[in-house]
Amino acid sequence: MRKLIHLIFISVLLLLPLFADACPMCQGAASKDKVNAYLVTTGILGAMPITLGVLLFVWIRRAHKSKTD
């Protein structure tokens, strides 16, 4: 039974890309809305590490200031 579950899980993982509409770089197969969504998502994900770094810096700085005061 366990082998069957693993076989089904691996099969689903291998077949999952077949259901994808198109890759993000395939601009010809995508509609304008999908291209815009891809660009917005790329911008958000690109800004996320910088934002998290700044927030971490501010958090540590405030914690340090509160301990020294």
N, C-alpha and C. Protein backbone atom coordinates (compact mmCIF):
# COMPACT_ATOMS: atom_id res chain seq x y z
N MET A 1 0.83 -1.20 0.00
CA MET A 1 0.00 0.00 0.00
C MET A 1 0.87 1.26 0.00
N ARG A 2 1.95 1.21 0.77
CA ARG A 2 2.83 2.36 0.86
C ARG A 2 3.51 2.63 -0.48
N LYS A 3 3.89 1.58 -1.18
CA LYS A 3 4.53 1.74 -2.49
C LYS A 3 3.56 2.36 -3.48
N LEU A 4 2.30 1.99 -3.38
CA LEU A 4 1.28 2.55 -4.27
C LEU A 4 1.11 4.04 -4.02
N ILE A 5 1.10 4.44 -2.76
CA ILE A 5 0.97 5.86 -2.43
C ILE A 5 2.18 6.63 -2.95
N HIS A 6 3.37 6.08 -2.77
CA HIS A 6 4.57 6.74 -3.28
C HIS A 6 4.55 6.83 -4.81
N LEU A 7 4.09 5.78 -5.46
CA LEU A 7 4.01 5.78 -6.92
C LEU A 7 3.02 6.83 -7.41
N ILE A 8 1.89 6.95 -6.75
CA ILE A 8 0.90 7.96 -7.14
C ILE A 8 1.46 9.36 -6.91
N PHE A 9 2.11 9.57 -5.77
CA PHE A 9 2.68 10.88 -5.45
C PHE A 9 3.74 11.29 -6.47
N ILE A 10 4.63 10.39 -6.81
CA ILE A 10 5.67 10.69 -7.78
C ILE A 10 5.07 10.91 -9.16
N SER A 11 4.06 10.14 -9.51
CA SER A 11 3.40 10.32 -10.81
C SER A 11 2.74 11.69 -10.91
N VAL A 12 2.09 12.10 -9.84
CA VAL A 12 1.44 13.42 -9.84
C VAL A 12 2.50 14.51 -9.97
N LEU A 13 3.61 14.38 -9.25
CA LEU A 13 4.68 15.38 -9.35
C LEU A 13 5.26 15.45 -10.76
N LEU A 14 5.41 14.30 -11.40
CA LEU A 14 5.97 14.29 -12.75
C LEU A 14 4.99 14.80 -13.80
N LEU A 15 3.71 14.62 -13.56
CA LEU A 15 2.70 15.04 -14.54
C LEU A 15 2.23 16.48 -14.31
N LEU A 16 2.54 17.05 -13.17
CA LEU A 16 2.08 18.40 -12.85
C LEU A 16 2.48 19.45 -13.88
N PRO A 17 3.69 19.46 -14.42
CA PRO A 17 4.05 20.48 -15.41
C PRO A 17 3.21 20.42 -16.69
N LEU A 18 2.59 19.28 -16.98
CA LEU A 18 1.76 19.19 -18.18
C LEU A 18 0.52 20.08 -18.09
N PHE A 19 0.10 20.40 -16.88
CA PHE A 19 -1.10 21.21 -16.70
C PHE A 19 -0.79 22.71 -16.68
N ALA A 20 0.46 23.07 -16.70
CA ALA A 20 0.84 24.49 -16.70
C ALA A 20 0.49 25.11 -18.05
N ASP A 21 0.07 26.37 -18.02
CA ASP A 21 -0.32 27.06 -19.24
C ASP A 21 0.87 27.27 -20.16
N ALA A 22 1.88 27.89 -19.66
CA ALA A 22 3.11 28.16 -20.41
C ALA A 22 4.16 28.65 -19.44
N CYS A 23 5.38 28.56 -19.85
CA CYS A 23 6.45 29.08 -19.00
C CYS A 23 6.41 30.60 -19.03
N PRO A 24 6.92 31.28 -18.01
CA PRO A 24 6.87 32.73 -17.97
C PRO A 24 7.63 33.39 -19.12
N MET A 25 8.63 32.73 -19.64
CA MET A 25 9.42 33.32 -20.72
C MET A 25 8.76 33.15 -22.08
N CYS A 26 7.75 32.32 -22.16
CA CYS A 26 7.06 32.06 -23.42
C CYS A 26 5.99 33.13 -23.62
N GLN A 27 6.39 34.30 -24.03
CA GLN A 27 5.48 35.45 -24.14
C GLN A 27 4.42 35.25 -25.22
N GLY A 28 4.73 34.45 -26.23
CA GLY A 28 3.78 34.27 -27.31
C GLY A 28 2.56 33.46 -26.91
N ALA A 29 2.72 32.57 -25.96
CA ALA A 29 1.61 31.71 -25.54
C ALA A 29 0.81 32.32 -24.40
N ALA A 30 1.28 33.41 -23.84
CA ALA A 30 0.61 33.99 -22.68
C ALA A 30 -0.17 35.23 -23.08
N SER A 31 -1.26 35.46 -22.36
CA SER A 31 -2.03 36.67 -22.60
C SER A 31 -1.35 37.85 -21.90
N LYS A 32 -1.80 39.04 -22.22
CA LYS A 32 -1.22 40.26 -21.64
C LYS A 32 -1.40 40.27 -20.13
N ASP A 33 -2.54 39.78 -19.65
CA ASP A 33 -2.78 39.74 -18.20
C ASP A 33 -1.77 38.83 -17.50
N LYS A 34 -1.46 37.70 -18.10
CA LYS A 34 -0.50 36.77 -17.49
C LYS A 34 0.91 37.36 -17.50
N VAL A 35 1.26 38.06 -18.55
CA VAL A 35 2.58 38.69 -18.61
C VAL A 35 2.68 39.77 -17.53
N ASN A 36 1.63 40.57 -17.38
CA ASN A 36 1.62 41.60 -16.34
C ASN A 36 1.68 40.99 -14.95
N ALA A 37 0.94 39.92 -14.73
CA ALA A 37 0.96 39.25 -13.43
C ALA A 37 2.35 38.70 -13.14
N TYR A 38 3.01 38.16 -14.16
CA TYR A 38 4.36 37.64 -13.99
C TYR A 38 5.33 38.76 -13.62
N LEU A 39 5.22 39.90 -14.28
CA LEU A 39 6.11 41.02 -13.99
C LEU A 39 5.87 41.59 -12.59
N VAL A 40 4.61 41.71 -12.19
CA VAL A 40 4.30 42.22 -10.85
C VAL A 40 4.82 41.25 -9.79
N THR A 41 4.60 39.96 -10.00
CA THR A 41 5.08 38.96 -9.05
C THR A 41 6.60 38.98 -8.96
N THR A 42 7.28 39.13 -10.08
CA THR A 42 8.73 39.21 -10.08
C THR A 42 9.20 40.43 -9.30
N GLY A 43 8.52 41.55 -9.46
CA GLY A 43 8.88 42.76 -8.72
C GLY A 43 8.68 42.59 -7.22
N ILE A 44 7.57 41.99 -6.84
CA ILE A 44 7.30 41.77 -5.41
C ILE A 44 8.33 40.83 -4.81
N LEU A 45 8.60 39.72 -5.49
CA LEU A 45 9.56 38.75 -4.97
C LEU A 45 10.99 39.31 -4.98
N GLY A 46 11.28 40.20 -5.91
CA GLY A 46 12.60 40.82 -5.94
C GLY A 46 12.78 41.81 -4.81
N ALA A 47 11.72 42.50 -4.42
CA ALA A 47 11.81 43.49 -3.35
C ALA A 47 11.71 42.86 -1.96
N MET A 48 11.23 41.65 -1.88
CA MET A 48 11.02 41.02 -0.58
C MET A 48 12.30 40.85 0.25
N PRO A 49 13.41 40.35 -0.30
CA PRO A 49 14.61 40.20 0.54
C PRO A 49 15.14 41.53 1.06
N ILE A 50 15.07 42.57 0.24
CA ILE A 50 15.53 43.90 0.68
C ILE A 50 14.64 44.41 1.80
N THR A 51 13.34 44.26 1.64
CA THR A 51 12.40 44.71 2.65
C THR A 51 12.60 43.95 3.96
N LEU A 52 12.75 42.63 3.87
CA LEU A 52 12.97 41.84 5.08
C LEU A 52 14.28 42.21 5.76
N GLY A 53 15.31 42.49 4.97
CA GLY A 53 16.59 42.90 5.54
C GLY A 53 16.48 44.22 6.27
N VAL A 54 15.80 45.18 5.67
CA VAL A 54 15.61 46.49 6.32
C VAL A 54 14.79 46.33 7.59
N LEU A 55 13.73 45.54 7.55
CA LEU A 55 12.90 45.34 8.74
C LEU A 55 13.68 44.65 9.85
N LEU A 56 14.52 43.70 9.50
CA LEU A 56 15.35 43.03 10.49
C LEU A 56 16.34 44.01 11.11
N PHE A 57 16.94 44.84 10.29
CA PHE A 57 17.87 45.86 10.79
C PHE A 57 17.18 46.81 11.75
N VAL A 58 16.00 47.29 11.39
CA VAL A 58 15.25 48.23 12.24
C VAL A 58 14.86 47.54 13.55
N TRP A 59 14.44 46.30 13.47
CA TRP A 59 14.04 45.56 14.66
C TRP A 59 15.21 45.38 15.63
N ILE A 60 16.36 44.98 15.10
CA ILE A 60 17.54 44.80 15.93
C ILE A 60 18.00 46.13 16.52
N ARG A 61 17.94 47.19 15.72
CA ARG A 61 18.36 48.52 16.20
C ARG A 61 17.47 49.00 17.33
N ARG A 62 16.15 48.81 17.17
CA ARG A 62 15.22 49.22 18.24
C ARG A 62 15.44 48.40 19.50
N ALA A 63 15.68 47.11 19.34
CA ALA A 63 15.92 46.26 20.51
C ALA A 63 17.20 46.68 21.22
N HIS A 64 18.20 47.04 20.46
CA HIS A 64 19.47 47.47 21.05
C HIS A 64 19.31 48.81 21.77
N LYS A 65 18.56 49.72 21.15
CA LYS A 65 18.34 51.04 21.78
C LYS A 65 17.54 50.91 23.06
N SER A 66 16.55 50.02 23.08
CA SER A 66 15.73 49.87 24.29
C SER A 66 16.53 49.26 25.44
N LYS A 67 17.52 48.43 25.13
CA LYS A 67 18.36 47.84 26.18
C LYS A 67 19.35 48.85 26.73
N THR A 68 19.81 49.78 25.88
CA THR A 68 20.78 50.77 26.33
C THR A 68 20.13 51.94 27.08
N ASP A 69 18.84 52.15 26.88
CA ASP A 69 18.15 53.27 27.56
C ASP A 69 17.68 52.94 28.94
